[in-house]
Amino acid sequence: MEKNYTNYDLDNLDVQILSILMEDSSIPYTEIAKKLIVSGGTIHVRMKKMEELGIIHGSNLIINPQKVGFDITAFLGIYLEKGSQYSDAVEQLRQVKEVVELHYCTGQYSMFAKIVCRDTAHLRKVLNEDIQGLKGIQRTETIISLEESIKRQITL
């Protein structure tokens, strides 16, 4: 159950805990506690509080898509027929497993998606069969990434 606290200020200990975990989320709380000279219980309580506040949304294992056969990363500008179709389009796109990010945005596109595919044939199939035929999507524009040069989280 997520509580909504607006203007919650992270203190220095919260920032230190998050910074350590953002670098490596597999570090045990006891090790973090030793580094920060506090008890393991303090780390646990702080983490629980930040989860309840919605600051933390779980942790993820990050894989390199290319190492598991997904060589194409593309960005897709999506034009909707009507802005009111946004929610329905999101639900439909949620079913397309190659869509790894989706943003509702300003500018020329209604939505902007990041998709990951094995190769250009897979990309063509995803675009033609899985995305462009969805109800409410008027048309799309595809930008293929040649290289990801920077990928990081925010610095606290």
C-alpha atoms as a PDB file:
ATOM      1  CA  MET A   1       0.000   0.000   0.000  1.00  0.00           C
ATOM      2  CA  GLU A   2       1.683   3.171  -1.213  1.00  0.00           C
ATOM      3  CA  LYS A   3       1.301   6.292   0.913  1.00  0.00           C
ATOM      4  CA  ASN A   4       1.434   9.622  -0.834  1.00  0.00           C
ATOM      5  CA  TYR A   5       3.675  12.057   0.981  1.00  0.00           C
ATOM      6  CA  THR A   6       4.374  15.146  -1.053  1.00  0.00           C
ATOM      7  CA  ASN A   7       7.573  17.036  -0.359  1.00  0.00           C
ATOM      8  CA  TYR A   8       9.202  14.173   1.564  1.00  0.00           C
ATOM      9  CA  ASP A   9      12.802  15.206   2.121  1.00  0.00           C
ATOM     10  CA  LEU A  10      15.392  12.473   2.015  1.00  0.00           C
ATOM     11  CA  ASP A  11      17.961  12.927   4.746  1.00  0.00           C
ATOM     12  CA  ASN A  12      21.654  12.184   4.306  1.00  0.00           C
ATOM     13  CA  LEU A  13      21.299   8.576   5.526  1.00  0.00           C
ATOM     14  CA  ASP A  14      18.463   7.907   3.051  1.00  0.00           C
ATOM     15  CA  VAL A  15      20.573   9.307   0.204  1.00  0.00           C
ATOM     16  CA  GLN A  16      23.575   7.197   1.218  1.00  0.00           C
ATOM     17  CA  ILE A  17      21.468   4.029   1.423  1.00  0.00           C
ATOM     18  CA  LEU A  18      19.896   4.676  -1.985  1.00  0.00           C
ATOM     19  CA  SER A  19      23.236   5.553  -3.587  1.00  0.00           C
ATOM     20  CA  ILE A  20      24.797   2.285  -2.421  1.00  0.00           C
ATOM     21  CA  LEU A  21      21.830   0.216  -3.585  1.00  0.00           C
ATOM     22  CA  MET A  22      21.569   2.017  -6.932  1.00  0.00           C
ATOM     23  CA  GLU A  23      25.133   0.930  -7.626  1.00  0.00           C
ATOM     24  CA  ASP A  24      24.472  -2.692  -6.590  1.00  0.00           C
ATOM     25  CA  SER A  25      21.033  -3.732  -5.366  1.00  0.00           C
ATOM     26  CA  SER A  26      22.321  -7.130  -4.240  1.00  0.00           C
ATOM     27  CA  ILE A  27      24.300  -5.705  -1.301  1.00  0.00           C
ATOM     28  CA  PRO A  28      22.853  -7.042   1.972  1.00  0.00           C
ATOM     29  CA  TYR A  29      21.405  -4.550   4.429  1.00  0.00           C
ATOM     30  CA  THR A  30      23.957  -5.706   7.028  1.00  0.00           C
ATOM     31  CA  GLU A  31      26.829  -4.695   4.747  1.00  0.00           C
ATOM     32  CA  ILE A  32      25.223  -1.297   4.098  1.00  0.00           C
ATOM     33  CA  ALA A  33      24.782  -0.860   7.847  1.00  0.00           C
ATOM     34  CA  LYS A  34      28.487  -1.570   8.440  1.00  0.00           C
ATOM     35  CA  LYS A  35      29.508   0.946   5.757  1.00  0.00           C
ATOM     36  CA  LEU A  36      27.260   3.642   7.211  1.00  0.00           C
ATOM     37  CA  ILE A  37      27.896   2.742  10.868  1.00  0.00           C
ATOM     38  CA  VAL A  38      24.249   2.130  11.775  1.00  0.00           C
ATOM     39  CA  SER A  39      22.273  -0.983  12.674  1.00  0.00           C
ATOM     40  CA  GLY A  40      20.862  -3.386  10.096  1.00  0.00           C
ATOM     41  CA  GLY A  41      17.436  -2.664  11.583  1.00  0.00           C
ATOM     42  CA  THR A  42      17.850   1.029  10.772  1.00  0.00           C
ATOM     43  CA  ILE A  43      18.532   0.191   7.125  1.00  0.00           C
ATOM     44  CA  HIS A  44      15.516  -2.123   7.032  1.00  0.00           C
ATOM     45  CA  VAL A  45      13.208   0.507   8.571  1.00  0.00           C
ATOM     46  CA  ARG A  46      14.464   3.233   6.208  1.00  0.00           C
ATOM     47  CA  MET A  47      14.014   0.986   3.183  1.00  0.00           C
ATOM     48  CA  LYS A  48      10.500  -0.004   4.256  1.00  0.00           C
ATOM     49  CA  LYS A  49       9.584   3.671   4.719  1.00  0.00           C
ATOM     50  CA  MET A  50      10.949   4.611   1.277  1.00  0.00           C
ATOM     51  CA  GLU A  51       9.003   1.725  -0.283  1.00  0.00           C
ATOM     52  CA  GLU A  52       5.790   2.877   1.418  1.00  0.00           C
ATOM     53  CA  LEU A  53       6.414   6.419   0.178  1.00  0.00           C
ATOM     54  CA  GLY A  54       6.829   5.158  -3.381  1.00  0.00           C
ATOM     55  CA  ILE A  55      10.438   6.347  -3.604  1.00  0.00           C
ATOM     56  CA  ILE A  56      11.565   2.759  -4.214  1.00  0.00           C
ATOM     57  CA  HIS A  57       9.712   0.472  -6.601  1.00  0.00           C
ATOM     58  CA  GLY A  58      11.476  -2.850  -6.067  1.00  0.00           C
ATOM     59  CA  SER A  59      14.795  -3.832  -7.582  1.00  0.00           C
ATOM     60  CA  ASN A  60      15.679  -5.329 -10.941  1.00  0.00           C
ATOM     61  CA  LEU A  61      18.282  -7.573 -12.431  1.00  0.00           C
ATOM     62  CA  ILE A  62      19.714  -5.818 -15.490  1.00  0.00           C
ATOM     63  CA  ILE A  63      20.757  -7.982 -18.427  1.00  0.00           C
ATOM     64  CA  ASN A  64      22.574  -6.984 -21.583  1.00  0.00           C
ATOM     65  CA  PRO A  65      19.969  -7.626 -24.338  1.00  0.00           C
ATOM     66  CA  GLN A  66      22.662  -8.161 -26.978  1.00  0.00           C
ATOM     67  CA  LYS A  67      24.235 -10.988 -24.970  1.00  0.00           C
ATOM     68  CA  VAL A  68      20.913 -12.871 -25.093  1.00  0.00           C
ATOM     69  CA  GLY A  69      20.263 -12.311 -28.790  1.00  0.00           C
ATOM     70  CA  PHE A  70      18.368  -8.999 -28.898  1.00  0.00           C
ATOM     71  CA  ASP A  71      20.530  -6.872 -31.192  1.00  0.00           C
ATOM     72  CA  ILE A  72      18.108  -4.105 -32.221  1.00  0.00           C
ATOM     73  CA  THR A  73      16.995  -1.261 -29.984  1.00  0.00           C
ATOM     74  CA  ALA A  74      14.573   1.162 -31.573  1.00  0.00           C
ATOM     75  CA  PHE A  75      12.585   4.156 -30.472  1.00  0.00           C
ATOM     76  CA  LEU A  76       9.070   4.510 -31.747  1.00  0.00           C
ATOM     77  CA  GLY A  77       7.165   7.758 -32.038  1.00  0.00           C
ATOM     78  CA  ILE A  78       3.487   6.857 -31.857  1.00  0.00           C
ATOM     79  CA  TYR A  79       0.692   9.054 -33.176  1.00  0.00           C
ATOM     80  CA  LEU A  80      -2.749   8.359 -31.719  1.00  0.00           C
ATOM     81  CA  GLU A  81      -5.949   9.003 -33.647  1.00  0.00           C
ATOM     82  CA  LYS A  82      -7.316  10.787 -30.558  1.00  0.00           C
ATOM     83  CA  GLY A  83      -5.679  11.683 -27.243  1.00  0.00           C
ATOM     84  CA  SER A  84      -8.600  10.064 -25.458  1.00  0.00           C
ATOM     85  CA  GLN A  85      -7.355   6.674 -26.725  1.00  0.00           C
ATOM     86  CA  TYR A  86      -4.183   6.892 -24.659  1.00  0.00           C
ATOM     87  CA  SER A  87      -5.244   4.550 -21.836  1.00  0.00           C
ATOM     88  CA  ASP A  88      -6.495   1.891 -24.242  1.00  0.00           C
ATOM     89  CA  ALA A  89      -3.315   2.152 -26.308  1.00  0.00           C
ATOM     90  CA  VAL A  90      -1.175   1.726 -23.183  1.00  0.00           C
ATOM     91  CA  GLU A  91      -3.038  -1.436 -22.220  1.00  0.00           C
ATOM     92  CA  GLN A  92      -2.636  -2.851 -25.724  1.00  0.00           C
ATOM     93  CA  LEU A  93       1.069  -1.944 -25.871  1.00  0.00           C
ATOM     94  CA  ARG A  94       1.592  -3.525 -22.450  1.00  0.00           C
ATOM     95  CA  GLN A  95       0.853  -6.852 -24.183  1.00  0.00           C
ATOM     96  CA  VAL A  96       3.715  -6.355 -26.670  1.00  0.00           C
ATOM     97  CA  LYS A  97       6.660  -7.816 -24.736  1.00  0.00           C
ATOM     98  CA  GLU A  98       9.240  -6.062 -26.935  1.00  0.00           C
ATOM     99  CA  VAL A  99       8.029  -2.683 -25.653  1.00  0.00           C
ATOM    100  CA  VAL A 100      10.340  -2.085 -22.682  1.00  0.00           C
ATOM    101  CA  GLU A 101       9.514   1.593 -22.049  1.00  0.00           C
ATOM    102  CA  LEU A 102       6.549   3.757 -22.935  1.00  0.00           C
ATOM    103  CA  HIS A 103       6.138   7.466 -22.315  1.00  0.00           C
ATOM    104  CA  TYR A 104       3.188   9.821 -22.777  1.00  0.00           C
ATOM    105  CA  CYS A 105       4.817  12.954 -24.098  1.00  0.00           C
ATOM    106  CA  THR A 106       4.506  16.434 -25.496  1.00  0.00           C
ATOM    107  CA  GLY A 107       5.748  17.335 -28.943  1.00  0.00           C
ATOM    108  CA  GLN A 108       4.909  15.757 -32.240  1.00  0.00           C
ATOM    109  CA  TYR A 109       4.243  12.246 -30.872  1.00  0.00           C
ATOM    110  CA  SER A 110       1.471  11.196 -28.516  1.00  0.00           C
ATOM    111  CA  MET A 111       3.677   8.472 -27.071  1.00  0.00           C
ATOM    112  CA  PHE A 112       7.303   7.450 -27.330  1.00  0.00           C
ATOM    113  CA  ALA A 113       8.346   3.813 -26.879  1.00  0.00           C
ATOM    114  CA  LYS A 114      11.597   1.925 -26.589  1.00  0.00           C
ATOM    115  CA  ILE A 115      11.473  -1.515 -28.145  1.00  0.00           C
ATOM    116  CA  VAL A 116      14.058  -4.294 -28.190  1.00  0.00           C
ATOM    117  CA  CYS A 117      14.114  -6.970 -30.929  1.00  0.00           C
ATOM    118  CA  ARG A 118      16.359  -9.823 -32.046  1.00  0.00           C
ATOM    119  CA  ASP A 119      16.989  -8.475 -35.555  1.00  0.00           C
ATOM    120  CA  THR A 120      15.435  -6.360 -38.298  1.00  0.00           C
ATOM    121  CA  ALA A 121      12.995  -9.123 -39.311  1.00  0.00           C
ATOM    122  CA  HIS A 122      11.761  -9.315 -35.722  1.00  0.00           C
ATOM    123  CA  LEU A 123      11.498  -5.506 -35.612  1.00  0.00           C
ATOM    124  CA  ARG A 124       9.469  -5.497 -38.836  1.00  0.00           C
ATOM    125  CA  LYS A 125       7.091  -8.128 -37.408  1.00  0.00           C
ATOM    126  CA  VAL A 126       6.645  -6.210 -34.138  1.00  0.00           C
ATOM    127  CA  LEU A 127       5.964  -2.954 -35.995  1.00  0.00           C
ATOM    128  CA  ASN A 128       3.703  -4.336 -38.722  1.00  0.00           C
ATOM    129  CA  GLU A 129       1.812  -7.043 -36.850  1.00  0.00           C
ATOM    130  CA  ASP A 130       1.926  -6.145 -33.179  1.00  0.00           C
ATOM    131  CA  ILE A 131       1.897  -2.351 -32.974  1.00  0.00           C
ATOM    132  CA  GLN A 132       0.688  -0.557 -36.107  1.00  0.00           C
ATOM    133  CA  GLY A 133      -2.574  -2.498 -36.212  1.00  0.00           C
ATOM    134  CA  LEU A 134      -3.561  -1.628 -32.650  1.00  0.00           C
ATOM    135  CA  LYS A 135      -6.819   0.245 -32.203  1.00  0.00           C
ATOM    136  CA  GLY A 136      -6.254   3.977 -31.854  1.00  0.00           C
ATOM    137  CA  ILE A 137      -2.739   4.074 -33.303  1.00  0.00           C
ATOM    138  CA  GLN A 138      -2.767   6.246 -36.392  1.00  0.00           C
ATOM    139  CA  ARG A 139       0.877   5.788 -37.421  1.00  0.00           C
ATOM    140  CA  THR A 140       4.395   5.394 -36.077  1.00  0.00           C
ATOM    141  CA  GLU A 141       7.911   6.622 -36.808  1.00  0.00           C
ATOM    142  CA  THR A 142      10.878   4.391 -36.019  1.00  0.00           C
ATOM    143  CA  ILE A 143      14.382   5.446 -35.013  1.00  0.00           C
ATOM    144  CA  ILE A 144      16.950   2.643 -34.721  1.00  0.00           C
ATOM    145  CA  SER A 145      19.658   3.070 -32.099  1.00  0.00           C
ATOM    146  CA  LEU A 146      23.150   2.323 -33.354  1.00  0.00           C
ATOM    147  CA  GLU A 147      24.763   2.433 -29.910  1.00  0.00           C
ATOM    148  CA  GLU A 148      23.749   3.161 -26.321  1.00  0.00           C
ATOM    149  CA  SER A 149      26.449   5.504 -25.086  1.00  0.00           C
ATOM    150  CA  ILE A 150      25.063   6.427 -21.655  1.00  0.00           C
ATOM    151  CA  LYS A 151      22.626   4.584 -19.429  1.00  0.00           C
ATOM    152  CA  ARG A 152      22.361   5.515 -15.785  1.00  0.00           C
ATOM    153  CA  GLN A 153      20.033   6.461 -13.005  1.00  0.00           C
ATOM    154  CA  ILE A 154      19.833   9.901 -11.497  1.00  0.00           C
ATOM    155  CA  THR A 155      22.524  10.853  -9.001  1.00  0.00           C
ATOM    156  CA  LEU A 156      21.253  11.741  -5.557  1.00  0.00           C
END
